N, C-alpha and C. Protein backbone atom coordinates (compact mmCIF):
# COMPACT_ATOMS: atom_id res chain seq x y z
N MET A 1 53.03 -83.74 51.44
CA MET A 1 51.68 -84.02 51.02
C MET A 1 50.91 -82.79 50.64
N SER A 2 50.25 -82.79 49.48
CA SER A 2 49.52 -81.63 48.97
C SER A 2 48.36 -81.31 49.84
N ARG A 3 47.93 -79.95 49.69
CA ARG A 3 46.74 -79.58 50.50
C ARG A 3 45.55 -80.34 50.08
N ARG A 4 45.51 -80.88 48.88
CA ARG A 4 44.35 -81.59 48.38
C ARG A 4 44.32 -82.99 48.71
N SER A 5 45.41 -83.62 49.34
CA SER A 5 45.32 -85.00 49.79
C SER A 5 44.22 -85.12 50.86
N ALA A 6 43.28 -86.01 50.55
CA ALA A 6 42.13 -86.13 51.48
C ALA A 6 41.95 -87.60 51.99
N ASN A 7 41.37 -87.67 53.09
CA ASN A 7 41.06 -88.95 53.68
C ASN A 7 39.57 -89.18 53.63
N LEU A 8 39.18 -90.09 52.76
CA LEU A 8 37.63 -90.31 52.63
C LEU A 8 37.22 -91.23 53.80
N GLY A 9 38.14 -91.67 54.72
CA GLY A 9 37.71 -92.50 55.75
C GLY A 9 36.88 -91.74 56.78
N THR A 10 36.84 -90.45 56.72
CA THR A 10 35.91 -89.65 57.62
C THR A 10 34.49 -89.55 57.12
N LEU A 11 34.17 -90.08 55.95
CA LEU A 11 32.87 -90.11 55.48
C LEU A 11 32.05 -91.04 56.19
N LEU A 12 30.79 -90.75 56.40
CA LEU A 12 29.91 -91.68 57.18
C LEU A 12 29.26 -92.61 56.28
N GLY A 13 29.15 -93.87 56.70
CA GLY A 13 28.34 -94.86 56.03
C GLY A 13 26.90 -94.60 56.31
N PRO A 14 25.97 -95.35 55.66
CA PRO A 14 24.57 -95.17 55.83
C PRO A 14 24.06 -95.29 57.23
N LEU A 15 24.52 -96.34 57.98
CA LEU A 15 24.11 -96.52 59.34
C LEU A 15 24.71 -95.45 60.27
N GLU A 16 26.00 -95.13 60.02
CA GLU A 16 26.66 -94.04 60.77
C GLU A 16 25.90 -92.71 60.56
N GLN A 17 25.42 -92.49 59.40
CA GLN A 17 24.61 -91.29 59.07
C GLN A 17 23.37 -91.29 59.86
N ASP A 18 22.66 -92.39 59.87
CA ASP A 18 21.38 -92.52 60.60
C ASP A 18 21.60 -92.24 62.12
N VAL A 19 22.61 -92.89 62.64
CA VAL A 19 22.97 -92.65 64.06
C VAL A 19 23.27 -91.20 64.35
N MET A 20 24.07 -90.59 63.45
CA MET A 20 24.39 -89.18 63.71
C MET A 20 23.13 -88.30 63.54
N ASP A 21 22.27 -88.64 62.64
CA ASP A 21 21.04 -87.87 62.45
C ASP A 21 20.27 -87.77 63.83
N VAL A 22 20.23 -88.96 64.49
CA VAL A 22 19.45 -89.00 65.70
C VAL A 22 20.19 -88.21 66.75
N LEU A 23 21.51 -88.31 66.86
CA LEU A 23 22.28 -87.66 67.83
C LEU A 23 22.27 -86.10 67.60
N TRP A 24 22.40 -85.68 66.34
CA TRP A 24 22.26 -84.26 66.06
C TRP A 24 20.95 -83.68 66.49
N ARG A 25 19.88 -84.53 66.33
CA ARG A 25 18.53 -84.08 66.73
C ARG A 25 18.43 -84.07 68.31
N LEU A 26 18.92 -85.14 68.95
CA LEU A 26 18.76 -85.28 70.47
C LEU A 26 19.84 -84.37 71.12
N GLY A 27 21.05 -84.32 70.59
CA GLY A 27 22.08 -83.57 71.20
C GLY A 27 22.87 -84.43 72.18
N ASP A 28 22.33 -85.32 72.90
CA ASP A 28 22.99 -86.14 73.93
C ASP A 28 22.13 -87.32 74.12
N ALA A 29 22.71 -88.56 74.02
CA ALA A 29 21.93 -89.77 74.14
C ALA A 29 22.78 -90.99 74.50
N THR A 30 22.09 -91.98 75.00
CA THR A 30 22.68 -93.23 75.27
C THR A 30 22.47 -94.16 74.00
N VAL A 31 23.17 -95.27 74.00
CA VAL A 31 23.01 -96.34 72.94
C VAL A 31 21.55 -96.79 72.93
N ARG A 32 20.94 -96.88 74.13
CA ARG A 32 19.54 -97.37 74.19
C ARG A 32 18.62 -96.31 73.56
N ASP A 33 18.88 -95.01 73.77
CA ASP A 33 18.05 -93.89 73.22
C ASP A 33 18.12 -93.96 71.64
N VAL A 34 19.40 -94.11 71.14
CA VAL A 34 19.53 -94.10 69.71
C VAL A 34 18.88 -95.44 69.15
N HIS A 35 19.06 -96.52 69.73
CA HIS A 35 18.62 -97.77 69.28
C HIS A 35 17.08 -97.65 69.26
N ALA A 36 16.40 -97.13 70.23
CA ALA A 36 14.99 -97.03 70.31
C ALA A 36 14.47 -96.10 69.13
N GLU A 37 15.13 -95.05 68.82
CA GLU A 37 14.75 -94.15 67.71
C GLU A 37 14.91 -94.97 66.35
N LEU A 38 16.06 -95.70 66.15
CA LEU A 38 16.16 -96.45 64.89
C LEU A 38 15.28 -97.54 64.74
N ALA A 39 15.03 -98.27 65.91
CA ALA A 39 14.20 -99.47 65.84
C ALA A 39 12.80 -99.19 65.66
N ALA A 40 12.35 -97.90 65.79
CA ALA A 40 10.96 -97.53 65.52
C ALA A 40 10.64 -97.65 64.02
N SER A 41 11.74 -97.57 63.26
CA SER A 41 11.40 -97.54 61.73
C SER A 41 12.02 -98.75 61.07
N ARG A 42 12.79 -99.58 61.73
CA ARG A 42 13.45 -100.75 61.11
C ARG A 42 13.91 -101.76 62.12
N GLU A 43 14.21 -102.97 61.70
CA GLU A 43 14.85 -103.88 62.64
C GLU A 43 16.36 -103.62 62.69
N ILE A 44 16.85 -103.43 63.88
CA ILE A 44 18.25 -103.22 63.99
C ILE A 44 18.65 -103.71 65.52
N ALA A 45 19.78 -104.45 65.54
CA ALA A 45 20.21 -104.97 66.77
C ALA A 45 20.83 -103.89 67.75
N TYR A 46 20.58 -104.03 68.94
CA TYR A 46 21.13 -103.08 69.95
C TYR A 46 22.64 -103.09 69.73
N THR A 47 23.27 -104.24 69.69
CA THR A 47 24.79 -104.29 69.61
C THR A 47 25.28 -103.67 68.36
N THR A 48 24.49 -103.67 67.30
CA THR A 48 24.93 -102.90 66.01
C THR A 48 24.98 -101.41 66.27
N VAL A 49 24.08 -100.95 66.88
CA VAL A 49 24.05 -99.50 67.25
C VAL A 49 25.19 -99.20 68.13
N MET A 50 25.42 -100.04 69.21
CA MET A 50 26.51 -99.87 70.18
C MET A 50 27.92 -99.84 69.46
N THR A 51 28.09 -100.74 68.55
CA THR A 51 29.36 -100.86 67.78
C THR A 51 29.56 -99.66 66.88
N THR A 52 28.48 -99.20 66.26
CA THR A 52 28.49 -97.98 65.38
C THR A 52 28.83 -96.79 66.19
N MET A 53 28.15 -96.62 67.32
CA MET A 53 28.47 -95.48 68.14
C MET A 53 29.89 -95.47 68.69
N ALA A 54 30.41 -96.63 69.08
CA ALA A 54 31.76 -96.71 69.48
C ALA A 54 32.72 -96.36 68.39
N ARG A 55 32.49 -96.78 67.23
CA ARG A 55 33.25 -96.47 65.97
C ARG A 55 33.29 -94.96 65.74
N LEU A 56 32.09 -94.38 65.85
CA LEU A 56 32.00 -92.87 65.58
C LEU A 56 32.74 -92.16 66.71
N ALA A 57 32.82 -92.64 67.89
CA ALA A 57 33.68 -92.06 69.02
C ALA A 57 35.14 -92.21 68.64
N ARG A 58 35.54 -93.35 68.05
CA ARG A 58 36.96 -93.64 67.72
C ARG A 58 37.40 -92.64 66.63
N LYS A 59 36.35 -92.40 65.74
CA LYS A 59 36.68 -91.45 64.63
C LYS A 59 36.75 -90.02 65.04
N GLY A 60 36.31 -89.74 66.25
CA GLY A 60 36.27 -88.39 66.76
C GLY A 60 35.10 -87.59 66.44
N ILE A 61 34.06 -88.22 65.99
CA ILE A 61 32.85 -87.55 65.60
C ILE A 61 31.87 -87.45 66.78
N LEU A 62 31.93 -88.37 67.70
CA LEU A 62 31.18 -88.40 68.89
C LEU A 62 32.20 -88.34 70.17
N SER A 63 31.65 -87.69 71.16
CA SER A 63 32.36 -87.84 72.46
C SER A 63 31.57 -88.66 73.27
N ARG A 64 32.28 -89.43 74.23
CA ARG A 64 31.57 -90.45 75.03
C ARG A 64 31.85 -90.12 76.50
N ASP A 65 30.80 -90.01 77.23
CA ASP A 65 30.93 -89.73 78.76
C ASP A 65 30.70 -91.09 79.43
N THR A 66 31.78 -91.53 80.10
CA THR A 66 31.65 -92.85 80.78
C THR A 66 31.47 -92.79 82.26
N ALA A 67 31.10 -91.62 82.70
CA ALA A 67 30.93 -91.42 84.16
C ALA A 67 29.70 -92.24 84.70
N ASP A 68 28.75 -92.44 84.02
CA ASP A 68 27.55 -93.32 84.44
C ASP A 68 27.66 -94.71 83.87
N LEU A 69 26.85 -95.51 84.38
CA LEU A 69 26.76 -96.87 83.92
C LEU A 69 26.43 -96.89 82.37
N ALA A 70 25.41 -96.12 82.01
CA ALA A 70 25.04 -95.99 80.63
C ALA A 70 25.81 -94.83 79.98
N HIS A 71 26.74 -95.13 79.15
CA HIS A 71 27.57 -94.18 78.55
C HIS A 71 26.70 -93.17 77.75
N ARG A 72 26.97 -91.88 77.81
CA ARG A 72 26.31 -90.89 77.01
C ARG A 72 27.21 -90.34 75.86
N TYR A 73 26.60 -90.21 74.82
CA TYR A 73 27.31 -89.73 73.58
C TYR A 73 26.80 -88.36 73.15
N ARG A 74 27.72 -87.59 72.67
CA ARG A 74 27.38 -86.20 72.05
C ARG A 74 28.13 -85.97 70.83
N PRO A 75 27.53 -85.33 69.83
CA PRO A 75 28.28 -85.01 68.63
C PRO A 75 29.38 -84.01 68.98
N VAL A 76 30.56 -84.22 68.34
CA VAL A 76 31.68 -83.32 68.52
C VAL A 76 31.54 -82.18 67.49
N VAL A 77 30.95 -82.47 66.38
CA VAL A 77 30.71 -81.46 65.32
C VAL A 77 29.26 -81.29 65.00
N THR A 78 28.89 -80.14 64.51
CA THR A 78 27.48 -79.95 64.07
C THR A 78 27.31 -80.58 62.73
N ARG A 79 26.00 -80.71 62.43
CA ARG A 79 25.69 -81.33 61.06
C ARG A 79 26.33 -80.54 59.95
N ASP A 80 26.29 -79.15 60.12
CA ASP A 80 26.81 -78.22 59.08
C ASP A 80 28.33 -78.45 58.96
N GLN A 81 29.07 -78.49 60.13
CA GLN A 81 30.50 -78.64 60.20
C GLN A 81 30.87 -79.94 59.43
N TYR A 82 30.17 -81.02 59.81
CA TYR A 82 30.45 -82.26 59.17
C TYR A 82 30.18 -82.23 57.66
N ALA A 83 29.07 -81.69 57.29
CA ALA A 83 28.76 -81.58 55.81
C ALA A 83 29.84 -80.86 55.08
N ARG A 84 30.19 -79.72 55.62
CA ARG A 84 31.37 -78.93 54.96
C ARG A 84 32.50 -79.71 54.74
N GLY A 85 32.98 -80.38 55.91
CA GLY A 85 34.16 -81.17 55.92
C GLY A 85 34.11 -82.28 54.94
N ALA A 86 32.97 -83.04 54.92
CA ALA A 86 32.80 -84.16 54.01
C ALA A 86 32.84 -83.64 52.54
N VAL A 87 32.17 -82.65 52.19
CA VAL A 87 32.16 -82.13 50.88
C VAL A 87 33.60 -81.70 50.47
N GLY A 88 34.23 -81.08 51.38
CA GLY A 88 35.69 -80.65 51.16
C GLY A 88 36.57 -81.82 50.86
N ASP A 89 36.38 -82.92 51.69
CA ASP A 89 37.20 -84.09 51.60
C ASP A 89 36.92 -84.73 50.24
N VAL A 90 35.69 -84.91 49.83
CA VAL A 90 35.24 -85.52 48.54
C VAL A 90 35.84 -84.67 47.34
N LEU A 91 35.62 -83.49 47.41
CA LEU A 91 36.15 -82.57 46.31
C LEU A 91 37.68 -82.63 46.22
N ALA A 92 38.33 -82.59 47.38
CA ALA A 92 39.72 -82.57 47.27
C ALA A 92 40.27 -83.96 46.79
N TRP A 93 39.62 -85.01 47.20
CA TRP A 93 39.98 -86.42 46.72
C TRP A 93 39.79 -86.41 45.15
N LEU A 94 38.65 -85.94 44.72
CA LEU A 94 38.40 -85.97 43.31
C LEU A 94 39.33 -85.10 42.46
N LEU A 95 39.65 -83.87 43.07
CA LEU A 95 40.57 -83.04 42.35
C LEU A 95 41.96 -83.49 42.35
N ASP A 96 42.35 -84.18 43.37
CA ASP A 96 43.69 -84.82 43.46
C ASP A 96 43.87 -85.95 42.48
N ARG A 97 42.83 -86.84 42.32
CA ARG A 97 42.94 -88.07 41.51
C ARG A 97 42.38 -87.95 40.15
N TYR A 98 41.43 -87.06 39.96
CA TYR A 98 40.71 -86.91 38.67
C TYR A 98 40.49 -85.43 38.36
N PRO A 99 41.55 -84.68 38.24
CA PRO A 99 41.48 -83.21 38.12
C PRO A 99 40.62 -82.82 37.01
N GLU A 100 40.90 -83.32 35.82
CA GLU A 100 40.17 -82.73 34.61
C GLU A 100 38.65 -83.01 34.68
N PRO A 101 38.16 -84.26 34.95
CA PRO A 101 36.74 -84.45 34.97
C PRO A 101 36.11 -83.70 36.17
N ALA A 102 36.84 -83.57 37.27
CA ALA A 102 36.27 -82.91 38.44
C ALA A 102 36.09 -81.38 38.14
N VAL A 103 37.14 -80.80 37.52
CA VAL A 103 36.95 -79.36 37.17
C VAL A 103 35.91 -79.13 36.23
N ALA A 104 35.81 -80.06 35.20
CA ALA A 104 34.75 -79.92 34.11
C ALA A 104 33.50 -80.02 34.73
N TYR A 105 33.24 -80.86 35.72
CA TYR A 105 31.97 -81.05 36.39
C TYR A 105 31.66 -79.79 37.13
N LEU A 106 32.58 -79.23 37.90
CA LEU A 106 32.42 -78.02 38.66
C LEU A 106 32.08 -76.81 37.82
N ALA A 107 32.69 -76.81 36.58
CA ALA A 107 32.37 -75.72 35.62
C ALA A 107 30.92 -75.92 35.14
N ASP A 108 30.47 -77.11 34.91
CA ASP A 108 29.04 -77.32 34.42
C ASP A 108 28.09 -76.85 35.57
N VAL A 109 28.44 -77.09 36.88
CA VAL A 109 27.57 -76.77 37.87
C VAL A 109 27.54 -75.22 38.03
N VAL A 110 28.68 -74.57 37.85
CA VAL A 110 28.76 -73.15 37.97
C VAL A 110 27.83 -72.43 37.01
N GLU A 111 27.81 -73.08 35.78
CA GLU A 111 26.86 -72.50 34.71
C GLU A 111 25.51 -72.48 35.16
N ASP A 112 25.07 -73.40 36.09
CA ASP A 112 23.63 -73.56 36.52
C ASP A 112 23.37 -72.76 37.73
N LEU A 113 24.32 -72.00 38.30
CA LEU A 113 24.12 -71.28 39.59
C LEU A 113 23.27 -69.96 39.32
N ASP A 114 22.50 -69.63 40.31
CA ASP A 114 21.75 -68.43 40.27
C ASP A 114 22.74 -67.25 40.41
N ASP A 115 22.28 -66.01 40.04
CA ASP A 115 23.19 -64.87 40.03
C ASP A 115 23.79 -64.58 41.37
N LEU A 116 23.01 -64.66 42.49
CA LEU A 116 23.50 -64.39 43.77
C LEU A 116 24.65 -65.32 44.18
N THR A 117 24.43 -66.67 43.97
CA THR A 117 25.42 -67.62 44.26
C THR A 117 26.71 -67.41 43.46
N LEU A 118 26.47 -67.11 42.24
CA LEU A 118 27.58 -66.92 41.31
C LEU A 118 28.42 -65.72 41.73
N GLU A 119 27.75 -64.69 42.15
CA GLU A 119 28.43 -63.46 42.70
C GLU A 119 29.25 -63.79 43.93
N GLU A 120 28.67 -64.60 44.80
CA GLU A 120 29.36 -65.05 46.04
C GLU A 120 30.60 -65.82 45.71
N LEU A 121 30.48 -66.76 44.68
CA LEU A 121 31.62 -67.42 44.24
C LEU A 121 32.69 -66.52 43.58
N ARG A 122 32.30 -65.53 42.92
CA ARG A 122 33.33 -64.59 42.30
C ARG A 122 34.02 -63.85 43.49
N GLU A 123 33.33 -63.47 44.47
CA GLU A 123 33.88 -62.72 45.60
C GLU A 123 34.85 -63.61 46.31
N ALA A 124 34.52 -64.84 46.53
CA ALA A 124 35.42 -65.81 47.19
C ALA A 124 36.68 -66.04 46.42
N VAL A 125 36.63 -66.10 45.12
CA VAL A 125 37.75 -66.29 44.26
C VAL A 125 38.63 -65.07 44.30
N ALA A 126 37.98 -63.84 44.32
CA ALA A 126 38.72 -62.58 44.41
C ALA A 126 39.46 -62.44 45.73
N ARG A 127 38.83 -62.89 46.94
CA ARG A 127 39.51 -62.82 48.20
C ARG A 127 40.68 -63.80 48.19
N ARG A 128 40.52 -65.00 47.63
CA ARG A 128 41.57 -65.94 47.58
C ARG A 128 42.82 -65.47 46.75
N ARG A 129 42.48 -64.79 45.69
CA ARG A 129 43.54 -64.20 44.87
C ARG A 129 44.26 -63.15 45.54
N SER A 130 43.45 -62.27 46.26
CA SER A 130 44.23 -61.19 47.01
C SER A 130 45.05 -61.66 48.09
N GLN A 131 44.73 -62.75 48.78
CA GLN A 131 45.49 -63.35 49.77
C GLN A 131 46.79 -64.06 49.29
N GLU A 132 46.72 -64.61 48.02
CA GLU A 132 47.87 -65.19 47.41
C GLU A 132 48.88 -64.15 46.83
N GLY A 133 48.38 -62.98 46.48
CA GLY A 133 49.14 -61.99 45.85
C GLY A 133 49.72 -60.98 46.83
């Protein structure tokens, strides 16, 4: 399997993202805590939040402490770690399946970068080349 083979199954759906946003903010919460946060801005069933949080735990994005009657959940990864991984998965998937349009798009994006970001990109490429050689 190539390094670029990616699994897009780790990407969060809209409700999973909302649940994780609450947990990243709170750090530690029960289903009731998360449900209360989400229900303040929309109608959502408690069981929907419970099922979503259990699914996130199965995916390894949340840890679940079952010591108490009300299970407590904590993020396993930070928001930044998740974002970097998700972006990497999407880019790897695109580069593996649609290499020409993906590279063309990235080249267009690079043209719009500010000088500092462009220099950081050049340095990263140079480091990568020196590691390969």
